[in-house]
Amino acid sequence: MKSIKKNLKEKQLIEKIHAAIKARNWTLHDMAAAIGVSHIHMASMSSGARKLSGLQPEKQRALCEIIGISMLDFYLMVGLLRHDDLMI
């Protein structure tokens, strides 16, 4: 069940990336340049073949700014944090 939820969250994040590209009338090349990765790397991430969690923190931050989510939401969506991790 957890892997299904994780995959769903990653899929939602990928959908946000595609929506941001479309809203800006960008190409994958444009998005890749904006976050500082190669076009091939961006294509792999946007297809789900490469994990978004593997991005360097400054590239994660740039992506979050572009797609309009917080770093916390990003970490939750890619599985670097769980809601349980935030309980005190």
C-alpha atoms as a PDB file:
ATOM      1  CA  MET A   1       0.000   0.000   0.000  1.00  0.00           C
ATOM      2  CA  LYS A   2       2.816   2.440   0.867  1.00  0.00           C
ATOM      3  CA  SER A   3       4.510   1.988  -2.516  1.00  0.00           C
ATOM      4  CA  ILE A   4       1.208   2.668  -4.283  1.00  0.00           C
ATOM      5  CA  LYS A   5       0.795   5.932  -2.335  1.00  0.00           C
ATOM      6  CA  LYS A   6       4.408   6.880  -3.029  1.00  0.00           C
ATOM      7  CA  ASN A   7       4.025   6.180  -6.752  1.00  0.00           C
ATOM      8  CA  LEU A   8       0.809   8.204  -6.814  1.00  0.00           C
ATOM      9  CA  LYS A   9       2.544  11.173  -5.162  1.00  0.00           C
ATOM     10  CA  GLU A  10       5.466  10.956  -7.579  1.00  0.00           C
ATOM     11  CA  LYS A  11       3.014  10.786 -10.467  1.00  0.00           C
ATOM     12  CA  GLN A  12       1.248  13.899  -9.138  1.00  0.00           C
ATOM     13  CA  LEU A  13       4.595  15.689  -8.986  1.00  0.00           C
ATOM     14  CA  ILE A  14       5.394  14.706 -12.567  1.00  0.00           C
ATOM     15  CA  GLU A  15       1.952  15.980 -13.596  1.00  0.00           C
ATOM     16  CA  LYS A  16       2.766  19.312 -11.906  1.00  0.00           C
ATOM     17  CA  ILE A  17       5.989  19.492 -13.918  1.00  0.00           C
ATOM     18  CA  HIS A  18       4.122  18.868 -17.167  1.00  0.00           C
ATOM     19  CA  ALA A  19       1.457  21.426 -16.210  1.00  0.00           C
ATOM     20  CA  ALA A  20       4.137  24.056 -15.465  1.00  0.00           C
ATOM     21  CA  ILE A  21       5.812  23.379 -18.813  1.00  0.00           C
ATOM     22  CA  LYS A  22       2.495  23.729 -20.625  1.00  0.00           C
ATOM     23  CA  ALA A  23       1.431  26.845 -18.685  1.00  0.00           C
ATOM     24  CA  ARG A  24       4.669  28.608 -19.609  1.00  0.00           C
ATOM     25  CA  ASN A  25       4.561  27.345 -23.180  1.00  0.00           C
ATOM     26  CA  TRP A  26       7.985  25.782 -22.542  1.00  0.00           C
ATOM     27  CA  THR A  27       9.679  22.681 -23.865  1.00  0.00           C
ATOM     28  CA  LEU A  28      11.529  20.105 -21.795  1.00  0.00           C
ATOM     29  CA  HIS A  29      14.706  21.901 -22.883  1.00  0.00           C
ATOM     30  CA  ASP A  30      13.383  25.121 -21.326  1.00  0.00           C
ATOM     31  CA  MET A  31      12.500  23.401 -18.051  1.00  0.00           C
ATOM     32  CA  ALA A  32      15.859  21.630 -17.958  1.00  0.00           C
ATOM     33  CA  ALA A  33      17.708  24.908 -18.469  1.00  0.00           C
ATOM     34  CA  ALA A  34      15.627  26.625 -15.789  1.00  0.00           C
ATOM     35  CA  ILE A  35      16.547  24.078 -13.124  1.00  0.00           C
ATOM     36  CA  GLY A  36      20.077  23.435 -14.364  1.00  0.00           C
ATOM     37  CA  VAL A  37      19.985  19.869 -15.683  1.00  0.00           C
ATOM     38  CA  SER A  38      20.461  18.366 -19.114  1.00  0.00           C
ATOM     39  CA  HIS A  39      17.527  17.788 -21.424  1.00  0.00           C
ATOM     40  CA  ILE A  40      18.097  14.022 -21.183  1.00  0.00           C
ATOM     41  CA  HIS A  41      18.045  14.182 -17.387  1.00  0.00           C
ATOM     42  CA  MET A  42      14.825  16.239 -17.461  1.00  0.00           C
ATOM     43  CA  ALA A  43      13.203  13.854 -19.925  1.00  0.00           C
ATOM     44  CA  SER A  44      14.099  10.892 -17.701  1.00  0.00           C
ATOM     45  CA  MET A  45      12.621  12.567 -14.631  1.00  0.00           C
ATOM     46  CA  SER A  46       9.473  13.757 -16.383  1.00  0.00           C
ATOM     47  CA  SER A  47       8.806  10.239 -17.653  1.00  0.00           C
ATOM     48  CA  GLY A  48       9.348   8.693 -14.221  1.00  0.00           C
ATOM     49  CA  ALA A  49      12.412   6.744 -15.343  1.00  0.00           C
ATOM     50  CA  ARG A  50      14.705   8.743 -13.047  1.00  0.00           C
ATOM     51  CA  LYS A  51      13.854   9.670  -9.471  1.00  0.00           C
ATOM     52  CA  LEU A  52      13.241  13.339  -8.722  1.00  0.00           C
ATOM     53  CA  SER A  53      14.644  12.766  -5.242  1.00  0.00           C
ATOM     54  CA  GLY A  54      18.090  12.434  -6.821  1.00  0.00           C
ATOM     55  CA  LEU A  55      18.241  16.108  -7.751  1.00  0.00           C
ATOM     56  CA  GLN A  56      20.737  18.283  -5.907  1.00  0.00           C
ATOM     57  CA  PRO A  57      19.079  20.555  -3.315  1.00  0.00           C
ATOM     58  CA  GLU A  58      19.543  23.759  -5.340  1.00  0.00           C
ATOM     59  CA  LYS A  59      17.939  22.081  -8.358  1.00  0.00           C
ATOM     60  CA  GLN A  60      15.094  20.796  -6.166  1.00  0.00           C
ATOM     61  CA  ARG A  61      14.555  24.343  -4.941  1.00  0.00           C
ATOM     62  CA  ALA A  62      14.497  25.727  -8.488  1.00  0.00           C
ATOM     63  CA  LEU A  63      11.996  23.073  -9.563  1.00  0.00           C
ATOM     64  CA  CYS A  64       9.763  23.795  -6.560  1.00  0.00           C
ATOM     65  CA  GLU A  65       9.735  27.506  -7.352  1.00  0.00           C
ATOM     66  CA  ILE A  66       8.803  26.842 -10.965  1.00  0.00           C
ATOM     67  CA  ILE A  67       5.992  24.396 -10.221  1.00  0.00           C
ATOM     68  CA  GLY A  68       4.756  26.333  -7.196  1.00  0.00           C
ATOM     69  CA  ILE A  69       5.210  23.920  -4.312  1.00  0.00           C
ATOM     70  CA  SER A  70       7.195  24.104  -1.091  1.00  0.00           C
ATOM     71  CA  MET A  71      10.342  22.110  -0.467  1.00  0.00           C
ATOM     72  CA  LEU A  72       8.450  20.299   2.295  1.00  0.00           C
ATOM     73  CA  ASP A  73       5.759  19.218  -0.173  1.00  0.00           C
ATOM     74  CA  PHE A  74       8.476  18.124  -2.608  1.00  0.00           C
ATOM     75  CA  TYR A  75      10.181  15.990   0.073  1.00  0.00           C
ATOM     76  CA  LEU A  76       6.863  14.416   1.016  1.00  0.00           C
ATOM     77  CA  MET A  77       5.942  13.716  -2.605  1.00  0.00           C
ATOM     78  CA  VAL A  78       9.252  12.062  -3.516  1.00  0.00           C
ATOM     79  CA  GLY A  79       9.410  10.050  -0.308  1.00  0.00           C
ATOM     80  CA  LEU A  80      12.366  11.795   1.333  1.00  0.00           C
ATOM     81  CA  LEU A  81      10.073  12.606   4.267  1.00  0.00           C
ATOM     82  CA  ARG A  82       6.939  11.014   5.618  1.00  0.00           C
ATOM     83  CA  HIS A  83       4.171  12.691   7.553  1.00  0.00           C
ATOM     84  CA  ASP A  84       5.196  10.533  10.529  1.00  0.00           C
ATOM     85  CA  ASP A  85       8.634  12.180  10.427  1.00  0.00           C
ATOM     86  CA  LEU A  86       6.965  15.502  11.191  1.00  0.00           C
ATOM     87  CA  MET A  87       5.133  14.339  14.318  1.00  0.00           C
ATOM     88  CA  ILE A  88       6.553  15.632  17.585  1.00  0.00           C
END
